[in-house]
Amino acid sequence: MEEKYKNSFKYFENRDCKFYPCHDAEHINCLFCYCPLYLKDDCPGNHTWVTRKNGTKIKSCMDCLWPHRAENYEKIMKLLAKG
């Protein structure tokens, strides 16, 4: 994590969370703990599609760290503003 993000409105790391670390990474921005881009088809994160037994597909973001990187804060805000 870049020092400029430490203790800023763009970065929050909750090491006291009972689920921390939720991803395999040294620094995790917990600001977007539940990804606001999950329902977006144009999500730039690293996601895959998993097929359930009934044939429906769901998005799996298990290996995605994109929203947890402080440098992506502005990009997330722009994507959310698009609606």
PDB file of N, CA and C in Angstrom:
ATOM      1  N   MET A   1       0.841  -1.177   0.000  1.00  0.00           N
ATOM      2  CA  MET A   1       0.000   0.000   0.000  1.00  0.00           C
ATOM      3  C   MET A   1       0.885   1.239   0.000  1.00  0.00           C
ATOM      4  N   GLU A   2       0.526   2.179  -0.844  1.00  0.00           N
ATOM      5  CA  GLU A   2       1.282   3.426  -0.885  1.00  0.00           C
ATOM      6  C   GLU A   2       0.994   4.246   0.359  1.00  0.00           C
ATOM      7  N   GLU A   3       2.005   4.895   0.867  1.00  0.00           N
ATOM      8  CA  GLU A   3       1.887   5.685   2.088  1.00  0.00           C
ATOM      9  C   GLU A   3       0.850   6.797   1.958  1.00  0.00           C
ATOM     10  N   LYS A   4       0.661   7.331   0.746  1.00  0.00           N
ATOM     11  CA  LYS A   4      -0.283   8.446   0.564  1.00  0.00           C
ATOM     12  C   LYS A   4      -1.725   8.034   0.867  1.00  0.00           C
ATOM     13  N   TYR A   5      -2.035   6.731   0.824  1.00  0.00           N
ATOM     14  CA  TYR A   5      -3.386   6.268   1.100  1.00  0.00           C
ATOM     15  C   TYR A   5      -3.635   5.978   2.576  1.00  0.00           C
ATOM     16  N   LYS A   6      -2.579   5.808   3.341  1.00  0.00           N
ATOM     17  CA  LYS A   6      -2.727   5.450   4.746  1.00  0.00           C
ATOM     18  C   LYS A   6      -3.566   6.495   5.483  1.00  0.00           C
ATOM     19  N   ASN A   7      -4.583   6.018   6.195  1.00  0.00           N
ATOM     20  CA  ASN A   7      -5.482   6.877   6.969  1.00  0.00           C
ATOM     21  C   ASN A   7      -6.168   7.938   6.115  1.00  0.00           C
ATOM     22  N   SER A   8      -6.550   7.598   4.923  1.00  0.00           N
ATOM     23  CA  SER A   8      -7.256   8.543   4.062  1.00  0.00           C
ATOM     24  C   SER A   8      -8.688   8.054   3.847  1.00  0.00           C
ATOM     25  N   PHE A   9      -9.500   8.900   3.231  1.00  0.00           N
ATOM     26  CA  PHE A   9     -10.874   8.488   2.954  1.00  0.00           C
ATOM     27  C   PHE A   9     -10.928   7.431   1.850  1.00  0.00           C
ATOM     28  N   LYS A  10      -9.816   7.192   1.176  1.00  0.00           N
ATOM     29  CA  LYS A  10      -9.755   6.199   0.108  1.00  0.00           C
ATOM     30  C   LYS A  10      -9.300   4.828   0.606  1.00  0.00           C
ATOM     31  N   TYR A  11      -8.898   4.750   1.854  1.00  0.00           N
ATOM     32  CA  TYR A  11      -8.329   3.498   2.346  1.00  0.00           C
ATOM     33  C   TYR A  11      -8.674   3.277   3.813  1.00  0.00           C
ATOM     34  N   PHE A  12      -9.135   2.079   4.117  1.00  0.00           N
ATOM     35  CA  PHE A  12      -9.434   1.678   5.487  1.00  0.00           C
ATOM     36  C   PHE A  12      -9.133   0.195   5.613  1.00  0.00           C
ATOM     37  N   GLU A  13      -8.270  -0.150   6.535  1.00  0.00           N
ATOM     38  CA  GLU A  13      -7.922  -1.557   6.749  1.00  0.00           C
ATOM     39  C   GLU A  13      -8.325  -1.945   8.165  1.00  0.00           C
ATOM     40  N   ASN A  14      -9.249  -2.890   8.285  1.00  0.00           N
ATOM     41  CA  ASN A  14      -9.765  -3.305   9.585  1.00  0.00           C
ATOM     42  C   ASN A  14      -9.145  -4.633  10.004  1.00  0.00           C
ATOM     43  N   ARG A  15      -8.001  -4.573  10.610  1.00  0.00           N
ATOM     44  CA  ARG A  15      -7.302  -5.784  11.036  1.00  0.00           C
ATOM     45  C   ARG A  15      -7.974  -6.465  12.229  1.00  0.00           C
ATOM     46  N   ASP A  16      -8.929  -5.778  12.861  1.00  0.00           N
ATOM     47  CA  ASP A  16      -9.657  -6.359  13.987  1.00  0.00           C
ATOM     48  C   ASP A  16     -10.890  -7.139  13.549  1.00  0.00           C
ATOM     49  N   CYS A  17     -11.220  -7.100  12.278  1.00  0.00           N
ATOM     50  CA  CYS A  17     -12.378  -7.828  11.756  1.00  0.00           C
ATOM     51  C   CYS A  17     -12.152  -9.334  11.925  1.00  0.00           C
ATOM     52  N   LYS A  18     -13.198 -10.035  12.332  1.00  0.00           N
ATOM     53  CA  LYS A  18     -13.037 -11.482  12.536  1.00  0.00           C
ATOM     54  C   LYS A  18     -12.812 -12.237  11.227  1.00  0.00           C
ATOM     55  N   PHE A  19     -13.075 -11.603  10.086  1.00  0.00           N
ATOM     56  CA  PHE A  19     -12.858 -12.242   8.786  1.00  0.00           C
ATOM     57  C   PHE A  19     -11.539 -11.824   8.133  1.00  0.00           C
ATOM     58  N   TYR A  20     -10.811 -10.918   8.777  1.00  0.00           N
ATOM     59  CA  TYR A  20      -9.547 -10.436   8.211  1.00  0.00           C
ATOM     60  C   TYR A  20      -8.464 -11.486   8.388  1.00  0.00           C
ATOM     61  N   PRO A  21      -7.667 -11.783   7.421  1.00  0.00           N
ATOM     62  CA  PRO A  21      -7.743 -11.293   6.045  1.00  0.00           C
ATOM     63  C   PRO A  21      -8.710 -12.145   5.230  1.00  0.00           C
ATOM     64  N   CYS A  22      -9.538 -11.505   4.471  1.00  0.00           N
ATOM     65  CA  CYS A  22     -10.527 -12.222   3.663  1.00  0.00           C
ATOM     66  C   CYS A  22      -9.954 -12.607   2.307  1.00  0.00           C
ATOM     67  N   HIS A  23      -8.844 -12.012   1.947  1.00  0.00           N
ATOM     68  CA  HIS A  23      -8.142 -12.336   0.700  1.00  0.00           C
ATOM     69  C   HIS A  23      -6.679 -12.558   1.028  1.00  0.00           C
ATOM     70  N   ASP A  24      -5.993 -13.229   0.147  1.00  0.00           N
ATOM     71  CA  ASP A  24      -4.574 -13.497   0.340  1.00  0.00           C
ATOM     72  C   ASP A  24      -3.776 -12.317  -0.205  1.00  0.00           C
ATOM     73  N   ALA A  25      -3.647 -11.284   0.621  1.00  0.00           N
ATOM     74  CA  ALA A  25      -2.901 -10.087   0.233  1.00  0.00           C
ATOM     75  C   ALA A  25      -2.335  -9.436   1.486  1.00  0.00           C
ATOM     76  N   GLU A  26      -1.263  -8.681   1.307  1.00  0.00           N
ATOM     77  CA  GLU A  26      -0.620  -8.042   2.443  1.00  0.00           C
ATOM     78  C   GLU A  26      -1.451  -6.886   2.991  1.00  0.00           C
ATOM     79  N   HIS A  27      -1.980  -6.051   2.108  1.00  0.00           N
ATOM     80  CA  HIS A  27      -2.815  -4.925   2.516  1.00  0.00           C
ATOM     81  C   HIS A  27      -4.145  -5.021   1.787  1.00  0.00           C
ATOM     82  N   ILE A  28      -5.226  -4.893   2.527  1.00  0.00           N
ATOM     83  CA  ILE A  28      -6.564  -5.004   1.958  1.00  0.00           C
ATOM     84  C   ILE A  28      -7.359  -3.765   2.333  1.00  0.00           C
ATOM     85  N   ASN A  29      -7.863  -3.070   1.332  1.00  0.00           N
ATOM     86  CA  ASN A  29      -8.721  -1.924   1.596  1.00  0.00           C
ATOM     87  C   ASN A  29     -10.112  -2.459   1.929  1.00  0.00           C
ATOM     88  N   CYS A  30     -10.506  -2.318   3.187  1.00  0.00           N
ATOM     89  CA  CYS A  30     -11.794  -2.842   3.656  1.00  0.00           C
ATOM     90  C   CYS A  30     -12.946  -1.877   3.396  1.00  0.00           C
ATOM     91  N   LEU A  31     -12.652  -0.730   2.816  1.00  0.00           N
ATOM     92  CA  LEU A  31     -13.689   0.259   2.539  1.00  0.00           C
ATOM     93  C   LEU A  31     -14.811  -0.353   1.706  1.00  0.00           C
ATOM     94  N   PHE A  32     -14.455  -1.190   0.743  1.00  0.00           N
ATOM     95  CA  PHE A  32     -15.438  -1.873  -0.087  1.00  0.00           C
ATOM     96  C   PHE A  32     -15.462  -3.353   0.269  1.00  0.00           C
ATOM     97  N   CYS A  33     -15.703  -3.626   1.526  1.00  0.00           N
ATOM     98  CA  CYS A  33     -15.748  -4.999   2.023  1.00  0.00           C
ATOM     99  C   CYS A  33     -16.702  -5.831   1.174  1.00  0.00           C
ATOM    100  N   TYR A  34     -17.902  -5.329   0.987  1.00  0.00           N
ATOM    101  CA  TYR A  34     -18.848  -5.957   0.065  1.00  0.00           C
ATOM    102  C   TYR A  34     -18.786  -5.136  -1.209  1.00  0.00           C
ATOM    103  N   CYS A  35     -18.317  -5.722  -2.254  1.00  0.00           N
ATOM    104  CA  CYS A  35     -18.029  -4.986  -3.488  1.00  0.00           C
ATOM    105  C   CYS A  35     -19.282  -4.326  -4.064  1.00  0.00           C
ATOM    106  N   PRO A  36     -19.237  -3.018  -4.272  1.00  0.00           N
ATOM    107  CA  PRO A  36     -20.377  -2.318  -4.855  1.00  0.00           C
ATOM    108  C   PRO A  36     -20.533  -2.584  -6.354  1.00  0.00           C
ATOM    109  N   LEU A  37     -19.570  -3.275  -6.931  1.00  0.00           N
ATOM    110  CA  LEU A  37     -19.611  -3.552  -8.369  1.00  0.00           C
ATOM    111  C   LEU A  37     -20.096  -4.964  -8.674  1.00  0.00           C
ATOM    112  N   TYR A  38     -20.479  -5.711  -7.666  1.00  0.00           N
ATOM    113  CA  TYR A  38     -20.864  -7.109  -7.866  1.00  0.00           C
ATOM    114  C   TYR A  38     -21.957  -7.275  -8.918  1.00  0.00           C
ATOM    115  N   LEU A  39     -22.938  -6.412  -8.917  1.00  0.00           N
ATOM    116  CA  LEU A  39     -24.059  -6.536  -9.853  1.00  0.00           C
ATOM    117  C   LEU A  39     -23.788  -5.909 -11.214  1.00  0.00           C
ATOM    118  N   LYS A  40     -22.640  -5.287 -11.394  1.00  0.00           N
ATOM    119  CA  LYS A  40     -22.319  -4.630 -12.662  1.00  0.00           C
ATOM    120  C   LYS A  40     -21.673  -5.620 -13.632  1.00  0.00           C
ATOM    121  N   ASP A  41     -22.194  -5.637 -14.857  1.00  0.00           N
ATOM    122  CA  ASP A  41     -21.612  -6.505 -15.883  1.00  0.00           C
ATOM    123  C   ASP A  41     -20.241  -6.006 -16.333  1.00  0.00           C
ATOM    124  N   ASP A  42     -20.014  -4.683 -16.244  1.00  0.00           N
ATOM    125  CA  ASP A  42     -18.749  -4.119 -16.712  1.00  0.00           C
ATOM    126  C   ASP A  42     -17.719  -3.984 -15.589  1.00  0.00           C
ATOM    127  N   CYS A  43     -17.829  -4.810 -14.594  1.00  0.00           N
ATOM    128  CA  CYS A  43     -16.878  -4.799 -13.484  1.00  0.00           C
ATOM    129  C   CYS A  43     -15.477  -5.120 -14.007  1.00  0.00           C
ATOM    130  N   PRO A  44     -14.480  -4.288 -13.695  1.00  0.00           N
ATOM    131  CA  PRO A  44     -13.121  -4.533 -14.191  1.00  0.00           C
ATOM    132  C   PRO A  44     -12.328  -5.521 -13.340  1.00  0.00           C
ATOM    133  N   GLY A  45     -12.923  -6.017 -12.277  1.00  0.00           N
ATOM    134  CA  GLY A  45     -12.221  -6.939 -11.389  1.00  0.00           C
ATOM    135  C   GLY A  45     -12.053  -8.329 -11.982  1.00  0.00           C
ATOM    136  N   ASN A  46     -11.307  -9.141 -11.267  1.00  0.00           N
ATOM    137  CA  ASN A  46     -11.007 -10.506 -11.688  1.00  0.00           C
ATOM    138  C   ASN A  46     -12.088 -11.440 -11.142  1.00  0.00           C
ATOM    139  N   HIS A  47     -13.118 -11.662 -11.943  1.00  0.00           N
ATOM    140  CA  HIS A  47     -14.193 -12.545 -11.503  1.00  0.00           C
ATOM    141  C   HIS A  47     -14.385 -13.694 -12.493  1.00  0.00           C
ATOM    142  N   THR A  48     -15.032 -14.724 -12.029  1.00  0.00           N
ATOM    143  CA  THR A  48     -15.354 -15.864 -12.881  1.00  0.00           C
ATOM    144  C   THR A  48     -16.841 -16.153 -12.717  1.00  0.00           C
ATOM    145  N   TRP A  49     -17.354 -16.982 -13.580  1.00  0.00           N
ATOM    146  CA  TRP A  49     -18.760 -17.388 -13.491  1.00  0.00           C
ATOM    147  C   TRP A  49     -18.806 -18.840 -13.072  1.00  0.00           C
ATOM    148  N   VAL A  50     -19.617 -19.115 -12.065  1.00  0.00           N
ATOM    149  CA  VAL A  50     -19.774 -20.468 -11.537  1.00  0.00           C
ATOM    150  C   VAL A  50     -21.186 -20.941 -11.869  1.00  0.00           C
ATOM    151  N   THR A  51     -21.279 -22.143 -12.397  1.00  0.00           N
ATOM    152  CA  THR A  51     -22.585 -22.708 -12.718  1.00  0.00           C
ATOM    153  C   THR A  51     -23.067 -23.566 -11.565  1.00  0.00           C
ATOM    154  N   ARG A  52     -24.244 -23.251 -11.096  1.00  0.00           N
ATOM    155  CA  ARG A  52     -24.859 -24.028 -10.015  1.00  0.00           C
ATOM    156  C   ARG A  52     -25.429 -25.328 -10.560  1.00  0.00           C
ATOM    157  N   LYS A  53     -25.823 -26.213  -9.655  1.00  0.00           N
ATOM    158  CA  LYS A  53     -26.405 -27.496 -10.049  1.00  0.00           C
ATOM    159  C   LYS A  53     -27.665 -27.317 -10.879  1.00  0.00           C
ATOM    160  N   ASN A  54     -28.419 -26.245 -10.605  1.00  0.00           N
ATOM    161  CA  ASN A  54     -29.665 -26.025 -11.351  1.00  0.00           C
ATOM    162  C   ASN A  54     -29.430 -25.316 -12.692  1.00  0.00           C
ATOM    163  N   GLY A  55     -28.173 -25.056 -13.040  1.00  0.00           N
ATOM    164  CA  GLY A  55     -27.838 -24.458 -14.326  1.00  0.00           C
ATOM    165  C   GLY A  55     -27.690 -22.946 -14.314  1.00  0.00           C
ATOM    166  N   THR A  56     -28.106 -22.288 -13.242  1.00  0.00           N
ATOM    167  CA  THR A  56     -27.945 -20.837 -13.173  1.00  0.00           C
ATOM    168  C   THR A  56     -26.490 -20.488 -12.890  1.00  0.00           C
ATOM    169  N   LYS A  57     -26.096 -19.311 -13.344  1.00  0.00           N
ATOM    170  CA  LYS A  57     -24.715 -18.877 -13.144  1.00  0.00           C
ATOM    171  C   LYS A  57     -24.678 -17.737 -12.140  1.00  0.00           C
ATOM    172  N   ILE A  58     -23.639 -17.760 -11.307  1.00  0.00           N
ATOM    173  CA  ILE A  58     -23.416 -16.670 -10.366  1.00  0.00           C
ATOM    174  C   ILE A  58     -21.976 -16.189 -10.519  1.00  0.00           C
ATOM    175  N   LYS A  59     -21.780 -14.936 -10.192  1.00  0.00           N
ATOM    176  CA  LYS A  59     -20.461 -14.324 -10.281  1.00  0.00           C
ATOM    177  C   LYS A  59     -19.662 -14.700  -9.035  1.00  0.00           C
ATOM    178  N   SER A  60     -18.452 -15.162  -9.221  1.00  0.00           N
ATOM    179  CA  SER A  60     -17.570 -15.468  -8.100  1.00  0.00           C
ATOM    180  C   SER A  60     -16.412 -14.475  -8.106  1.00  0.00           C
ATOM    181  N   CYS A  61     -16.294 -13.751  -7.022  1.00  0.00           N
ATOM    182  CA  CYS A  61     -15.243 -12.746  -6.886  1.00  0.00           C
ATOM    183  C   CYS A  61     -14.212 -13.166  -5.838  1.00  0.00           C
ATOM    184  N   MET A  62     -14.187 -14.431  -5.544  1.00  0.00           N
ATOM    185  CA  MET A  62     -13.349 -14.959  -4.490  1.00  0.00           C
ATOM    186  C   MET A  62     -11.872 -14.587  -4.659  1.00  0.00           C
ATOM    187  N   ASP A  63     -11.381 -14.560  -5.877  1.00  0.00           N
ATOM    188  CA  ASP A  63      -9.971 -14.267  -6.119  1.00  0.00           C
ATOM    189  C   ASP A  63      -9.727 -12.824  -6.541  1.00  0.00           C
ATOM    190  N   CYS A  64     -10.717 -11.976  -6.411  1.00  0.00           N
ATOM    191  CA  CYS A  64     -10.604 -10.596  -6.878  1.00  0.00           C
ATOM    192  C   CYS A  64     -10.114  -9.672  -5.771  1.00  0.00           C
ATOM    193  N   LEU A  65      -9.087  -8.928  -6.057  1.00  0.00           N
ATOM    194  CA  LEU A  65      -8.562  -7.938  -5.124  1.00  0.00           C
ATOM    195  C   LEU A  65      -8.757  -6.514  -5.637  1.00  0.00           C
ATOM    196  N   TRP A  66      -9.286  -6.355  -6.832  1.00  0.00           N
ATOM    197  CA  TRP A  66      -9.390  -5.048  -7.476  1.00  0.00           C
ATOM    198  C   TRP A  66     -10.050  -3.983  -6.607  1.00  0.00           C
ATOM    199  N   PRO A  67     -11.218  -4.207  -6.004  1.00  0.00           N
ATOM    200  CA  PRO A  67     -11.818  -3.149  -5.187  1.00  0.00           C
ATOM    201  C   PRO A  67     -11.111  -2.943  -3.846  1.00  0.00           C
ATOM    202  N   HIS A  68     -10.208  -3.839  -3.493  1.00  0.00           N
ATOM    203  CA  HIS A  68      -9.504  -3.755  -2.220  1.00  0.00           C
ATOM    204  C   HIS A  68      -8.155  -3.057  -2.340  1.00  0.00           C
ATOM    205  N   ARG A  69      -7.873  -2.512  -3.515  1.00  0.00           N
ATOM    206  CA  ARG A  69      -6.644  -1.739  -3.728  1.00  0.00           C
ATOM    207  C   ARG A  69      -6.997  -0.256  -3.691  1.00  0.00           C
ATOM    208  N   ALA A  70      -6.321   0.472  -2.825  1.00  0.00           N
ATOM    209  CA  ALA A  70      -6.633   1.885  -2.625  1.00  0.00           C
ATOM    210  C   ALA A  70      -6.542   2.689  -3.918  1.00  0.00           C
ATOM    211  N   GLU A  71      -5.657   2.333  -4.807  1.00  0.00           N
ATOM    212  CA  GLU A  71      -5.486   3.104  -6.047  1.00  0.00           C
ATOM    213  C   GLU A  71      -6.683   2.976  -6.985  1.00  0.00           C
ATOM    214  N   ASN A  72      -7.596   2.067  -6.710  1.00  0.00           N
ATOM    215  CA  ASN A  72      -8.786   1.911  -7.567  1.00  0.00           C
ATOM    216  C   ASN A  72     -10.009   2.667  -7.048  1.00  0.00           C
ATOM    217  N   TYR A  73      -9.857   3.408  -5.967  1.00  0.00           N
ATOM    218  CA  TYR A  73     -10.979   4.140  -5.379  1.00  0.00           C
ATOM    219  C   TYR A  73     -11.661   5.053  -6.403  1.00  0.00           C
ATOM    220  N   GLU A  74     -10.903   5.883  -7.089  1.00  0.00           N
ATOM    221  CA  GLU A  74     -11.474   6.828  -8.063  1.00  0.00           C
ATOM    222  C   GLU A  74     -12.192   6.086  -9.198  1.00  0.00           C
ATOM    223  N   LYS A  75     -11.630   4.982  -9.643  1.00  0.00           N
ATOM    224  CA  LYS A  75     -12.250   4.202 -10.718  1.00  0.00           C
ATOM    225  C   LYS A  75     -13.591   3.632 -10.264  1.00  0.00           C
ATOM    226  N   ILE A  76     -13.645   3.161  -9.032  1.00  0.00           N
ATOM    227  CA  ILE A  76     -14.895   2.633  -8.482  1.00  0.00           C
ATOM    228  C   ILE A  76     -15.949   3.730  -8.407  1.00  0.00           C
ATOM    229  N   MET A  77     -15.537   4.907  -7.939  1.00  0.00           N
ATOM    230  CA  MET A  77     -16.472   6.021  -7.830  1.00  0.00           C
ATOM    231  C   MET A  77     -17.041   6.403  -9.206  1.00  0.00           C
ATOM    232  N   LYS A  78     -16.198   6.383 -10.233  1.00  0.00           N
ATOM    233  CA  LYS A  78     -16.662   6.701 -11.593  1.00  0.00           C
ATOM    234  C   LYS A  78     -17.650   5.642 -12.100  1.00  0.00           C
ATOM    235  N   LEU A  79     -17.367   4.385 -11.851  1.00  0.00           N
ATOM    236  CA  LEU A  79     -18.261   3.316 -12.273  1.00  0.00           C
ATOM    237  C   LEU A  79     -19.614   3.400 -11.555  1.00  0.00           C
ATOM    238  N   LEU A  80     -19.589   3.740 -10.283  1.00  0.00           N
ATOM    239  CA  LEU A  80     -20.831   3.873  -9.525  1.00  0.00           C
ATOM    240  C   LEU A  80     -21.639   5.095  -9.981  1.00  0.00           C
ATOM    241  N   ALA A  81     -20.955   6.149 -10.368  1.00  0.00           N
ATOM    242  CA  ALA A  81     -21.635   7.361 -10.834  1.00  0.00           C
ATOM    243  C   ALA A  81     -22.355   7.120 -12.161  1.00  0.00           C
ATOM    244  N   LYS A  82     -21.831   6.187 -12.962  1.00  0.00           N
ATOM    245  CA  LYS A  82     -22.466   5.866 -14.244  1.00  0.00           C
ATOM    246  C   LYS A  82     -23.833   5.227 -14.041  1.00  0.00           C
ATOM    247  N   GLY A  83     -24.022   4.625 -12.883  1.00  0.00           N
ATOM    248  CA  GLY A  83     -25.312   4.006 -12.567  1.00  0.00           C
ATOM    249  C   GLY A  83     -25.474   2.611 -13.002  1.00  0.00           C
TER     250      GLY A  83
END
